[in-house]
Amino acid sequence: MINKIVLQTLVIFFLISLSYFQSFAQNREKPNVLFILVDDLGWTDLGSFGSEFYETPNIDRLAAMGVKFTNAYTASPVCSPTRASIMTGKYPSKNHYTDWFGAPQPWNFQNHWTRNKPLVPAEYTTNLALEEYTMAEAFKDAGYKTFFAGKWHLGETEEFWPENQGFEINIGGNNKGGPSTGNKYFSPYGNSQLPDGPEGEYLPWRLASETANFISKNKEKPFFAYLSFYSVHTPLMTTEELELKYLRKRAKMNLTDQFEPEYANMNRTTQAHAVYAGMVEAMDTAVGIVLESLEKNHLLENTIVVFFSDNGGLSTAEGSPTSNLPLRAGKGWLYEGGIRVPMIISWKNHIPGGQSINTPVISNDFLPTLVELAGLKESEIKYKEIDGVSLAQVVKDPSAKISRNELYWHYPHYGNQGGNPGSVIQENGWKLIYFYEDDRMELYYLNEDLEEQNDLSKVESEIASNLEKKLKDWLEKTGARYPIKRADL
């Protein structure tokens, strides 16, 4: 006969074990999230999005497993505003995150690099406010382990860096917009947030290895990992082997570097830059390292994977390393080449693979989408003031509709790459750009003119007028700041 004390002990042990396994099961019901953000990657810079020169087999496989968004936009033609929109779900203009953090402010416009331009650029906010409830904080509050690796560029000083914005681990994130210290893309990096590796170690592969190690160490609990590449931002640096590979490939394909001066000093019209191609492939290899870690740890079916770029490809300045054709212009411009980017959401066996969605979406949408897909009910309550809409139903059923008609952009600055201060509204395929230098409008019907070559503002004046009113109403509602005409100072 079993001793009473022994029996009580067994019962207690059973209840504790049951509670533990129930808790473990509940945790595993929460999907992991892996968010991959690339810097300056253009809309057609992937094989799965049309490139015949760059090789991206790992990302192409991710696209085949998930949903491709062919009409996806960044909230800005430059990096920091888009990154803020991902973290907050808000349009950058709402809190004046309208230029890349570190860009010159107009305090002393006589010494500003735009001093000979007709406008003084608008003042912008230089740090992602700590009062913002970020995507990382939402997952951390829900019990997720949070991890950041790579480019942050959302705060000038340390108190605004990832570890103070919801990330428990920060590898490499600081105020820099590119790898501008040390040996840049190769170790030693000279980055206070990233210990140097062996001499000659390549940065994207190091960031991928750090992310893969984090996944392996945290496979028993839900995690939110944010891999934010410095690639493929300048400086243009790749390995000798990859550069040689693409020099040979360029010769085999009879490609030459071609530029057209129509929209900027140098507008690249072919994808043929060997070093840039090597950077794209190295970034793809890094994505493969992380996906392999998910597969090795049997986590692929329980992990939502997002792939995105922070603005369009660099095609009109700084060496013009890529082409965004058929899109017009590139990074720093409000034309499609500056704001339309590749986007993929994959969740094996939960999202139908191989789908392509042409619904217009924007970087503000990630926060409510991931909150809903992961089932973070408490966080949904905290996000009532955001501008993004959830795409959760769309990724599960590509025929579903989302409850939004217009998209907006506000960029009251001169882009380093040649773009001018302006604001944009897009509705039902119509895109109106309002330029502040001369209070001029351009109107394009993207469904028939993706290249933005036929300005219809005079022909379709009623449509232009209606869109202009909606745009100005939205700008007033968000409290947007504007550039100032020098004659008004």
Protein backbone atom coordinates (compact mmCIF):
# COMPACT_ATOMS: atom_id res chain seq x y z
CA MET A 1 0.00 0.00 0.00
CA ILE A 2 1.34 3.39 -1.02
CA ASN A 3 2.32 5.66 1.82
CA LYS A 4 -0.02 8.69 2.09
CA ILE A 5 2.88 11.17 2.01
CA VAL A 6 4.32 9.47 -1.09
CA LEU A 7 0.90 9.61 -2.75
CA GLN A 8 0.51 13.30 -1.98
CA THR A 9 3.99 13.93 -3.34
CA LEU A 10 3.17 12.10 -6.58
CA VAL A 11 -0.07 14.06 -6.97
CA ILE A 12 1.75 17.38 -6.44
CA PHE A 13 4.45 16.33 -8.89
CA PHE A 14 1.82 15.36 -11.44
CA LEU A 15 0.02 18.69 -11.09
CA ILE A 16 3.25 20.66 -11.38
CA SER A 17 4.28 18.64 -14.43
CA LEU A 18 0.86 19.10 -16.01
CA SER A 19 1.03 22.84 -15.40
CA TYR A 20 4.52 22.97 -16.90
CA PHE A 21 3.58 21.06 -20.03
CA GLN A 22 0.40 23.11 -20.46
CA SER A 23 2.46 26.27 -20.14
CA PHE A 24 5.03 24.93 -22.61
CA ALA A 25 2.28 23.99 -25.05
CA GLN A 26 0.73 27.44 -24.75
CA ASN A 27 4.12 29.06 -25.38
CA ARG A 28 4.65 26.94 -28.49
CA GLU A 29 1.22 28.01 -29.73
CA LYS A 30 2.67 31.50 -29.95
CA PRO A 31 4.50 31.75 -33.26
CA ASN A 32 8.02 33.10 -33.38
CA VAL A 33 8.63 36.15 -35.55
CA LEU A 34 11.71 36.76 -37.68
CA PHE A 35 11.77 40.19 -39.32
CA ILE A 36 14.45 40.65 -42.00
CA LEU A 37 15.06 44.22 -43.14
CA VAL A 38 17.50 45.05 -45.93
CA ASP A 39 18.93 48.53 -46.49
CA ASP A 40 18.48 50.17 -49.93
CA LEU A 41 17.32 47.01 -51.73
CA GLY A 42 15.43 47.88 -54.91
CA TRP A 43 12.10 46.50 -56.11
CA THR A 44 13.68 44.33 -58.81
CA ASP A 45 16.87 43.36 -56.94
CA LEU A 46 15.74 39.77 -56.27
CA GLY A 47 15.43 36.87 -58.69
CA SER A 48 11.87 36.30 -57.53
CA PHE A 49 11.09 39.97 -58.31
CA GLY A 50 12.59 40.00 -61.77
CA SER A 51 16.37 40.29 -61.58
CA GLU A 52 18.34 38.25 -64.10
CA PHE A 53 21.75 39.39 -62.87
CA TYR A 54 21.63 39.14 -59.06
CA GLU A 55 21.36 35.65 -57.57
CA THR A 56 19.12 35.25 -54.51
CA PRO A 57 18.15 31.55 -54.18
CA ASN A 58 17.42 31.63 -50.44
CA ILE A 59 15.08 34.62 -50.58
CA ASP A 60 13.46 33.21 -53.71
CA ARG A 61 12.76 30.00 -51.80
CA LEU A 62 11.25 32.08 -48.99
CA ALA A 63 9.00 33.79 -51.55
CA ALA A 64 7.93 30.40 -52.92
CA MET A 65 6.98 29.29 -49.40
CA GLY A 66 5.02 32.46 -48.67
CA VAL A 67 3.28 35.49 -50.12
CA LYS A 68 4.93 38.05 -52.40
CA PHE A 69 3.60 41.60 -52.24
CA THR A 70 4.29 43.23 -55.60
CA ASN A 71 2.72 46.58 -54.65
CA ALA A 72 4.47 47.16 -51.32
CA TYR A 73 5.71 50.56 -50.20
CA THR A 74 7.99 52.11 -47.65
CA ALA A 75 6.61 55.09 -45.72
CA SER A 76 9.52 57.21 -46.94
CA PRO A 77 12.11 57.27 -49.73
CA VAL A 78 14.87 57.27 -47.06
CA CYS A 79 15.70 54.91 -44.23
CA SER A 80 15.00 56.28 -40.72
CA PRO A 81 11.38 57.36 -41.35
CA THR A 82 10.51 53.94 -42.76
CA ARG A 83 12.22 52.19 -39.84
CA ALA A 84 10.20 54.33 -37.42
CA SER A 85 6.98 53.43 -39.25
CA ILE A 86 7.75 49.72 -38.88
CA MET A 87 8.38 50.10 -35.16
CA THR A 88 5.34 52.31 -34.45
CA GLY A 89 2.76 51.55 -37.14
CA LYS A 90 2.45 55.29 -37.77
CA TYR A 91 3.11 57.58 -40.70
CA PRO A 92 6.47 59.32 -40.09
CA SER A 93 4.94 62.78 -40.55
CA LYS A 94 2.76 62.32 -37.47
CA ASN A 95 5.77 62.65 -35.16
CA HIS A 96 8.02 64.46 -37.66
CA TYR A 97 10.36 61.52 -38.33
CA THR A 98 10.61 62.73 -41.92
CA ASP A 99 14.33 62.60 -42.78
CA TRP A 100 17.16 60.18 -42.11
CA PHE A 101 18.39 60.69 -38.55
CA GLY A 102 21.60 62.67 -38.67
CA ALA A 103 20.69 64.68 -41.77
CA PRO A 104 21.47 68.40 -41.43
CA GLN A 105 18.82 70.41 -39.63
CA PRO A 106 17.78 73.82 -41.03
CA TRP A 107 18.84 75.78 -37.91
CA ASN A 108 21.47 77.72 -39.78
CA PHE A 109 20.28 77.30 -43.33
CA GLN A 110 22.99 79.59 -44.72
CA ASN A 111 25.48 76.78 -44.00
CA HIS A 112 23.11 73.96 -44.99
CA TRP A 113 24.14 71.86 -48.03
CA THR A 114 20.86 72.97 -49.63
CA ARG A 115 21.64 76.68 -49.16
CA ASN A 116 21.35 77.35 -52.89
CA LYS A 117 18.00 75.60 -53.20
CA PRO A 118 14.70 77.55 -53.38
CA LEU A 119 13.44 76.02 -50.10
CA VAL A 120 14.70 75.65 -46.56
CA PRO A 121 13.91 72.01 -45.61
CA ALA A 122 11.54 71.33 -42.74
CA GLU A 123 12.78 70.64 -39.23
CA TYR A 124 12.56 66.95 -38.28
CA THR A 125 12.72 64.89 -35.07
CA THR A 126 16.04 63.08 -34.63
CA ASN A 127 15.16 60.26 -32.20
CA LEU A 128 12.46 57.61 -31.98
CA ALA A 129 10.73 58.83 -28.81
CA LEU A 130 10.88 56.50 -25.83
CA GLU A 131 7.16 57.18 -25.31
CA GLU A 132 6.41 55.31 -28.54
CA TYR A 133 5.14 51.78 -27.93
CA THR A 134 7.29 49.81 -30.33
CA MET A 135 6.77 46.48 -32.02
CA ALA A 136 9.58 45.05 -29.91
CA GLU A 137 7.90 46.21 -26.69
CA ALA A 138 4.65 44.56 -27.77
CA PHE A 139 6.36 41.18 -28.19
CA LYS A 140 8.44 41.60 -25.05
CA ASP A 141 5.29 42.37 -23.02
CA ALA A 142 3.73 39.20 -24.45
CA GLY A 143 6.56 37.08 -23.04
CA TYR A 144 8.74 36.90 -26.13
CA LYS A 145 12.52 36.96 -26.02
CA THR A 146 13.52 39.94 -28.18
CA PHE A 147 16.68 40.28 -30.27
CA PHE A 148 18.11 42.91 -32.61
CA ALA A 149 21.08 42.66 -34.96
CA GLY A 150 22.42 45.18 -37.45
CA LYS A 151 21.43 48.71 -38.44
CA TRP A 152 19.22 50.72 -36.06
CA HIS A 153 19.58 54.39 -37.11
CA LEU A 154 16.65 55.56 -34.97
CA GLY A 155 18.49 57.55 -32.34
CA GLU A 156 21.46 59.88 -32.16
CA THR A 157 22.41 58.89 -28.59
CA GLU A 158 22.53 55.62 -26.69
CA GLU A 159 19.36 56.09 -24.65
CA PHE A 160 17.36 55.76 -27.91
CA TRP A 161 19.05 52.58 -29.14
CA PRO A 162 17.42 49.10 -29.40
CA GLU A 163 18.01 47.99 -25.80
CA ASN A 164 15.85 50.92 -24.64
CA GLN A 165 13.13 50.35 -27.22
CA GLY A 166 12.05 46.81 -26.33
CA PHE A 167 14.98 44.66 -27.45
CA GLU A 168 16.71 42.61 -24.75
CA ILE A 169 19.73 41.93 -26.98
CA ASN A 170 21.37 44.42 -29.35
CA ILE A 171 24.12 43.33 -31.70
CA GLY A 172 25.50 46.18 -33.78
CA GLY A 173 22.66 48.72 -33.55
CA ASN A 174 23.63 52.36 -32.97
CA ASN A 175 23.23 55.80 -34.56
CA LYS A 176 25.05 54.96 -37.77
CA GLY A 177 23.26 54.74 -41.09
CA GLY A 178 25.97 52.59 -42.62
CA PRO A 179 29.14 50.74 -41.63
CA SER A 180 31.32 53.85 -41.58
CA THR A 181 33.85 52.93 -38.87
CA GLY A 182 36.76 50.50 -38.71
CA ASN A 183 37.11 48.40 -41.84
CA LYS A 184 33.43 49.01 -42.55
CA TYR A 185 31.94 45.79 -43.99
CA PHE A 186 34.90 43.72 -42.80
CA SER A 187 36.25 43.11 -39.31
CA PRO A 188 37.57 44.96 -37.38
CA TYR A 189 34.31 46.91 -37.47
CA GLY A 190 34.98 49.61 -34.90
CA ASN A 191 31.36 49.28 -33.73
CA SER A 192 30.85 49.66 -29.97
CA GLN A 193 27.79 47.40 -30.14
CA LEU A 194 29.49 44.65 -32.14
CA PRO A 195 32.65 42.92 -30.88
CA ASP A 196 35.17 42.45 -33.68
CA GLY A 197 35.43 39.03 -35.26
CA PRO A 198 38.41 37.49 -36.99
CA GLU A 199 40.15 39.90 -39.33
CA GLY A 200 38.37 39.94 -42.67
CA GLU A 201 35.07 38.57 -41.37
CA TYR A 202 32.19 39.83 -43.57
CA LEU A 203 29.50 41.81 -41.76
CA PRO A 204 26.26 40.32 -43.20
CA TRP A 205 27.45 36.80 -42.46
CA ARG A 206 28.41 37.77 -38.92
CA LEU A 207 24.98 39.31 -38.27
CA ALA A 208 23.32 36.20 -39.66
CA SER A 209 25.42 33.94 -37.45
CA GLU A 210 24.51 35.98 -34.38
CA THR A 211 20.83 35.67 -35.30
CA ALA A 212 21.11 31.94 -35.96
CA ASN A 213 22.81 31.41 -32.58
CA PHE A 214 20.07 33.39 -30.84
CA ILE A 215 17.43 31.16 -32.47
CA SER A 216 19.21 27.98 -31.37
CA LYS A 217 19.55 29.19 -27.79
CA ASN A 218 15.92 30.26 -27.54
CA LYS A 219 14.15 27.51 -29.45
CA GLU A 220 12.13 26.44 -26.40
CA LYS A 221 10.38 29.80 -25.98
CA PRO A 222 8.73 32.29 -28.33
CA PHE A 223 11.08 34.88 -29.77
CA PHE A 224 10.99 38.05 -31.84
CA ALA A 225 14.21 38.41 -33.85
CA TYR A 226 14.86 41.50 -35.97
CA LEU A 227 17.73 41.09 -38.43
CA SER A 228 18.39 44.51 -39.91
CA PHE A 229 21.19 44.31 -42.47
CA TYR A 230 23.56 47.18 -43.14
CA SER A 231 23.70 45.66 -46.63
CA VAL A 232 23.29 46.77 -49.36
CA HIS A 233 23.95 50.36 -48.29
CA THR A 234 27.15 52.11 -49.35
CA PRO A 235 30.12 51.78 -49.10
CA LEU A 236 30.06 49.20 -51.87
CA MET A 237 32.18 46.31 -50.57
CA THR A 238 32.06 42.59 -51.19
CA THR A 239 34.43 39.64 -51.19
CA GLU A 240 36.96 39.22 -54.01
CA GLU A 241 35.39 35.89 -54.96
CA LEU A 242 31.90 37.36 -55.35
CA GLU A 243 33.12 40.39 -57.28
CA LEU A 244 35.05 38.14 -59.69
CA LYS A 245 31.99 35.91 -60.11
CA TYR A 246 29.83 38.81 -61.23
CA LEU A 247 32.51 40.36 -63.44
CA ARG A 248 32.55 37.07 -65.32
CA LYS A 249 28.76 36.87 -65.36
CA ARG A 250 28.49 40.42 -66.67
CA ALA A 251 30.89 39.62 -69.50
CA LYS A 252 29.02 36.40 -70.30
CA MET A 253 25.72 38.30 -70.49
CA ASN A 254 27.30 41.10 -72.56
CA LEU A 255 26.14 43.70 -70.05
CA THR A 256 27.59 47.18 -69.73
CA ASP A 257 26.96 49.93 -67.18
CA GLN A 258 24.46 52.36 -68.68
CA PHE A 259 23.28 55.71 -67.34
CA GLU A 260 20.70 58.22 -68.48
CA PRO A 261 20.73 61.87 -67.32
CA GLU A 262 16.98 62.41 -67.72
CA TYR A 263 15.97 62.42 -64.04
CA ALA A 264 19.29 62.82 -62.24
CA ASN A 265 23.00 63.03 -62.89
CA MET A 266 23.29 59.28 -63.31
CA ASN A 267 20.23 57.04 -63.56
CA ARG A 268 21.35 53.46 -63.99
CA THR A 269 19.36 51.53 -66.58
CA THR A 270 20.96 48.09 -66.22
CA GLN A 271 21.74 45.80 -63.31
CA ALA A 272 25.40 45.13 -63.99
CA HIS A 273 27.42 46.41 -61.01
CA ALA A 274 29.62 43.46 -59.98
CA VAL A 275 30.37 44.64 -56.42
CA TYR A 276 26.73 45.45 -55.71
CA ALA A 277 25.70 42.07 -57.12
CA GLY A 278 28.15 40.43 -54.73
CA MET A 279 26.62 42.37 -51.83
CA VAL A 280 23.14 41.20 -52.81
CA GLU A 281 24.25 37.55 -53.01
CA ALA A 282 26.12 37.80 -49.69
CA MET A 283 22.99 39.18 -48.06
CA ASP A 284 21.00 36.31 -49.56
CA THR A 285 23.54 33.82 -48.21
CA ALA A 286 23.10 35.41 -44.79
CA VAL A 287 19.32 34.94 -45.03
CA GLY A 288 20.01 31.30 -45.86
CA ILE A 289 22.09 30.91 -42.68
CA VAL A 290 19.17 32.10 -40.57
CA LEU A 291 16.57 30.00 -42.41
CA GLU A 292 18.81 26.96 -41.96
CA SER A 293 18.84 27.61 -38.21
CA LEU A 294 15.03 27.64 -38.18
CA GLU A 295 14.93 24.36 -40.09
CA LYS A 296 17.62 22.70 -37.98
CA ASN A 297 15.73 23.60 -34.82
CA HIS A 298 12.37 22.47 -36.29
CA LEU A 299 10.95 25.98 -36.01
CA LEU A 300 10.10 26.85 -39.60
CA GLU A 301 6.44 25.88 -39.22
CA ASN A 302 6.15 27.93 -36.05
CA THR A 303 7.87 31.09 -37.28
CA ILE A 304 6.42 34.03 -39.20
CA VAL A 305 9.15 35.36 -41.50
CA VAL A 306 8.98 38.87 -42.97
CA PHE A 307 11.34 40.19 -45.64
CA PHE A 308 11.40 43.89 -46.58
CA SER A 309 13.57 46.84 -47.65
CA ASP A 310 13.65 50.29 -46.02
CA ASN A 311 13.50 52.28 -49.29
CA GLY A 312 14.03 51.90 -53.01
CA GLY A 313 17.30 50.98 -54.66
CA LEU A 314 20.11 53.49 -55.05
CA SER A 315 20.00 54.31 -58.77
CA THR A 316 20.61 58.05 -59.20
CA ALA A 317 23.62 58.93 -57.03
CA GLU A 318 26.55 57.63 -54.96
CA GLY A 319 27.71 55.37 -57.78
CA SER A 320 24.17 54.42 -58.82
CA PRO A 321 24.84 50.71 -58.17
CA THR A 322 21.44 49.30 -59.20
CA SER A 323 18.57 49.87 -61.60
CA ASN A 324 14.92 49.96 -60.54
CA LEU A 325 13.49 49.87 -64.06
CA PRO A 326 10.71 49.86 -65.04
CA LEU A 327 10.26 52.13 -62.02
CA ARG A 328 11.31 55.76 -62.23
CA ALA A 329 14.27 57.05 -60.17
CA GLY A 330 15.25 55.49 -56.82
CA LYS A 331 16.20 56.14 -53.21
CA GLY A 332 15.55 59.72 -52.10
CA TRP A 333 12.79 60.29 -54.68
CA LEU A 334 8.99 60.15 -54.36
CA TYR A 335 8.67 58.39 -57.70
CA GLU A 336 8.00 54.64 -57.55
CA GLY A 337 11.68 53.70 -57.64
CA GLY A 338 12.19 55.43 -54.30
CA ILE A 339 9.31 53.90 -52.36
CA ARG A 340 8.22 50.59 -53.96
CA VAL A 341 10.18 47.60 -52.62
CA PRO A 342 10.09 43.79 -52.47
CA MET A 343 8.08 42.31 -49.61
CA ILE A 344 7.52 38.71 -48.51
CA ILE A 345 5.59 37.19 -45.61
CA SER A 346 6.02 33.46 -45.04
CA TRP A 347 4.61 31.10 -42.41
CA LYS A 348 4.95 27.52 -43.52
CA ASN A 349 1.68 25.54 -43.47
CA HIS A 350 -0.21 28.59 -42.14
CA ILE A 351 0.03 30.89 -45.16
CA PRO A 352 -0.54 29.53 -48.69
CA GLY A 353 2.79 29.42 -50.50
CA GLY A 354 3.56 30.73 -53.94
CA GLN A 355 0.96 33.48 -53.82
CA SER A 356 1.38 36.97 -55.27
CA ILE A 357 -0.65 39.92 -53.99
CA ASN A 358 -0.98 43.25 -55.80
CA THR A 359 -2.91 45.03 -53.03
CA PRO A 360 -1.14 48.30 -52.11
CA VAL A 361 0.43 47.96 -48.65
CA ILE A 362 2.86 50.08 -46.68
CA SER A 363 5.44 49.66 -43.91
CA ASN A 364 3.00 51.00 -41.29
CA ASP A 365 1.05 47.77 -41.76
CA PHE A 366 3.62 45.42 -40.26
CA LEU A 367 2.89 46.17 -36.63
CA PRO A 368 -0.87 45.46 -36.64
CA THR A 369 -0.32 42.51 -39.01
CA LEU A 370 2.19 40.75 -36.78
CA VAL A 371 0.27 41.58 -33.62
CA GLU A 372 -2.81 39.90 -35.09
CA LEU A 373 -1.01 36.92 -36.63
CA ALA A 374 0.78 36.22 -33.33
CA GLY A 375 -2.43 36.67 -31.33
CA LEU A 376 -1.16 39.43 -29.04
CA LYS A 377 -4.61 40.49 -27.87
CA GLU A 378 -3.38 42.86 -25.15
CA SER A 379 -1.17 44.71 -27.62
CA GLU A 380 -4.07 45.19 -30.02
CA ILE A 381 -5.71 47.38 -27.38
CA LYS A 382 -2.63 49.62 -27.11
CA TYR A 383 -2.43 50.26 -30.84
CA LYS A 384 -5.59 52.26 -31.43
CA GLU A 385 -3.76 55.35 -32.70
CA ILE A 386 -1.73 53.69 -35.44
CA ASP A 387 -2.10 54.31 -39.16
CA GLY A 388 -1.35 50.83 -40.45
CA VAL A 389 -3.96 48.16 -41.13
CA SER A 390 -3.62 44.45 -40.48
CA LEU A 391 -2.84 42.25 -43.47
CA ALA A 392 -3.45 39.06 -41.49
CA GLN A 393 -6.55 38.08 -43.46
CA VAL A 394 -4.95 39.00 -46.78
CA VAL A 395 -1.91 36.75 -46.27
CA LYS A 396 -4.20 33.87 -45.33
CA ASP A 397 -6.61 34.55 -48.19
CA PRO A 398 -5.12 36.64 -51.04
CA SER A 399 -8.62 37.39 -52.33
CA ALA A 400 -9.53 39.21 -49.11
CA LYS A 401 -9.81 43.01 -49.08
CA ILE A 402 -8.34 45.51 -46.64
CA SER A 403 -10.23 48.49 -45.26
CA ARG A 404 -8.20 51.34 -46.71
CA ASN A 405 -8.37 53.43 -49.85
CA GLU A 406 -5.49 55.93 -49.70
CA LEU A 407 -1.79 55.83 -48.99
CA TYR A 408 0.24 58.94 -48.13
CA TRP A 409 3.84 60.16 -48.11
CA HIS A 410 5.38 63.40 -46.82
CA TYR A 411 9.03 64.16 -47.53
CA PRO A 412 9.68 67.90 -46.93
CA HIS A 413 13.41 67.58 -47.64
CA TYR A 414 15.92 67.44 -50.45
CA GLY A 415 17.21 63.94 -50.96
CA ASN A 416 20.96 63.42 -51.14
CA GLN A 417 20.17 61.44 -54.28
CA GLY A 418 18.42 64.31 -56.10
CA GLY A 419 14.80 64.17 -54.95
CA ASN A 420 12.83 67.35 -54.16
CA PRO A 421 10.54 68.16 -51.21
CA GLY A 422 7.04 66.85 -51.82
CA SER A 423 3.98 64.99 -50.62
CA VAL A 424 2.05 62.14 -52.24
CA ILE A 425 -1.37 60.55 -52.18
CA GLN A 426 -2.20 57.30 -53.95
CA GLU A 427 -5.78 56.08 -54.39
CA ASN A 428 -7.23 53.42 -56.69
CA GLY A 429 -4.13 53.42 -58.88
CA TRP A 430 -3.97 57.21 -59.13
CA LYS A 431 -0.87 58.88 -57.72
CA LEU A 432 -0.60 62.61 -57.14
CA ILE A 433 2.77 64.20 -56.27
CA TYR A 434 2.76 67.75 -54.91
CA PHE A 435 6.11 69.53 -55.20
CA TYR A 436 6.75 72.41 -52.80
CA GLU A 437 9.41 74.25 -54.80
CA ASP A 438 6.90 75.57 -57.33
CA ASP A 439 3.55 74.34 -55.93
CA ARG A 440 3.32 72.01 -58.89
CA MET A 441 1.42 68.72 -59.20
CA GLU A 442 2.06 65.58 -61.23
CA LEU A 443 -0.62 62.92 -61.66
CA TYR A 444 -0.03 59.35 -62.83
CA TYR A 445 -2.30 56.36 -63.33
CA LEU A 446 -0.03 53.57 -62.14
CA ASN A 447 -2.27 50.77 -63.40
CA GLU A 448 -1.36 51.81 -66.96
CA ASP A 449 1.79 53.88 -66.39
CA LEU A 450 4.01 52.24 -63.81
CA GLU A 451 6.97 54.11 -65.30
CA GLU A 452 5.36 57.49 -64.41
CA GLN A 453 5.99 58.99 -67.83
CA ASN A 454 2.56 60.47 -68.61
CA ASP A 455 1.59 63.36 -66.33
CA LEU A 456 -2.23 63.56 -66.43
CA SER A 457 -2.65 66.47 -64.01
CA LYS A 458 -3.98 68.75 -66.76
CA VAL A 459 -6.00 66.11 -68.61
CA GLU A 460 -7.63 64.69 -65.45
CA SER A 461 -7.86 67.99 -63.58
CA GLU A 462 -10.91 66.96 -61.52
CA ILE A 463 -9.18 63.83 -60.22
CA ALA A 464 -6.07 65.88 -59.48
CA SER A 465 -8.10 68.51 -57.61
CA ASN A 466 -9.92 65.91 -55.48
CA LEU A 467 -6.68 64.13 -54.60
CA GLU A 468 -4.98 67.42 -53.77
CA LYS A 469 -7.75 68.28 -51.30
CA LYS A 470 -7.51 64.87 -49.62
CA LEU A 471 -3.73 65.19 -49.41
CA LYS A 472 -3.83 68.65 -47.85
CA ASP A 473 -6.54 67.56 -45.39
CA TRP A 474 -4.36 64.63 -44.34
CA LEU A 475 -1.28 66.83 -43.94
CA GLU A 476 -3.22 69.24 -41.74
CA LYS A 477 -4.66 66.39 -39.69
CA THR A 478 -1.21 64.90 -39.02
CA GLY A 479 0.34 68.26 -38.12
CA ALA A 480 2.91 67.99 -40.89
CA ARG A 481 5.83 70.40 -41.07
CA TYR A 482 6.64 72.08 -44.36
CA PRO A 483 9.71 73.47 -46.11
CA ILE A 484 9.90 77.27 -46.19
CA LYS A 485 10.44 79.38 -49.28
CA ARG A 486 13.50 81.56 -48.85
CA ALA A 487 11.58 84.58 -50.10
CA ASP A 488 9.25 84.20 -47.10
CA LEU A 489 12.06 84.35 -44.52
